Amino acid sequence: MSKFFNNKLFRCLSILLVFNSNIPLVRSSSALAAWSLNSNGVLELRTKSDTKLEAYFQKGGEVFGDRFWIDFPGELKNPRIIEGNGPIKEIRLGKPIKGKTRLVVEFIENNDLRPLKWSLVGLDQNRWRIKLFSSPRNSFKKIGEGNVKQSPLKLTSNQKQINTIKRNYDFLNLPDIKRNNFYVVIDPGHGGPDPGAIGIGGLRETDVVLEVSKLVKKLLTEKGVKVRLTRNKELDLDLPPRVSIANRTDADIFVSIHANASRGRRRDINGLETFYYSGWRGRLLAKKIQKQILKVSPGSPDRGVRQGRFFVIKNTRMPAVLVEIGFLTGRLDARRLEKSIHRKRIAYAITRGILEYFSKAG
């Protein structure tokens, strides 16, 4: 069956999200560890790490009702059917093909589903959520199996140290480039009396982007790239000096790292975007970085690669981009950016994008 829709017989909505983590969870044959369909119409899932989810919707016909399902890697040991209530006819868990587990939610007729507005969102390293419908209070009884909020297994301090090393360096498999051949200027936005965006819980842009920038410098340096930060601490630095630093060093590229905020501090607005000013090299650099940061931020909208006229990328003499790594005011992005592990993932993604650019254009 096709994953997309606009067919007279049915419409099928597909969402494909990938999320990777090296923190081990409880082992089982199926990647689906727990699930819960709550009375507010929200389906929550807990999966193992390194899980790829494929979600679909199919319009019902004469034989069956509207159906939503998600496929997970790994085989389910005990296929079963669970009786539904309210708008749910039944929930089925089975093995559609070898090596797969399928969770199917079948709805009763005459429902008011709006699948084109559905969005499967990654909440954390192993938890997912999608709102399927809205229902009046006490009209629907919760259905589920297992604890969807269970945390990953706690590790010993030695295991944590090993995993941290792997997470930051060994497992990344960053591409190799010619050593001592490239010069990069990384610009952590704002600083000092200018904290930039202030997000949920007082999360400050200056703190987030400085940590990410330092990690990018460390990763690039280990790959033989010479790196200069426009600032490495909290200090007041205007825009012209940032440009001057880049132009004086005759860097190969300039990357300014920022975090976003929405007007009215709307928590439903999330997403990542990368800007360039002009030229195919600037656009290529922006595309490489945007592709990578999206990979480590499943569920966060892709706001695209676009041309921008920001001072720091307009006035630098080398290919330059400005990366917005998420909305500090967004419920999903802020929850991630407040965590050190996600900042490391973002730093890795930006580093990989830069190295891939040098491999292609260097």
Foldseek 3Di string as FASTA:
>chain_A
DDQAADDPQKGKHKDKAWAADDFFADDDQWQWDKWKQAQFQKIKTFGTGRKIKIKMWIDDDDPFHTKIKIKIFGADPDWDKAAFFQQWRIWTWHDPDPGMIMIMTGGDPPDDWDVVPWFWFDQDRTMIMIRTDGDPPPRGHMDMDDDRPDDGDDDDPVVVVVSVCCLQPVVLCFDADDAQPFEEEEEEPFFAPGQDDQAPPRDTWSVLSLLLSVSLCVVVVVRRYHYHYLDNHGDGDDQVSSQVVQQVVVGQEYEYETAAADVVLDQAAKAKEKEAADDPLLQQLRVLLLVLLCNNGIRTDYPYYYYDDDPNRVRHPHRYMYIHNMHSSYNRRVSQSVDPSSSSSSSSSNNSSVSVSNVVPD
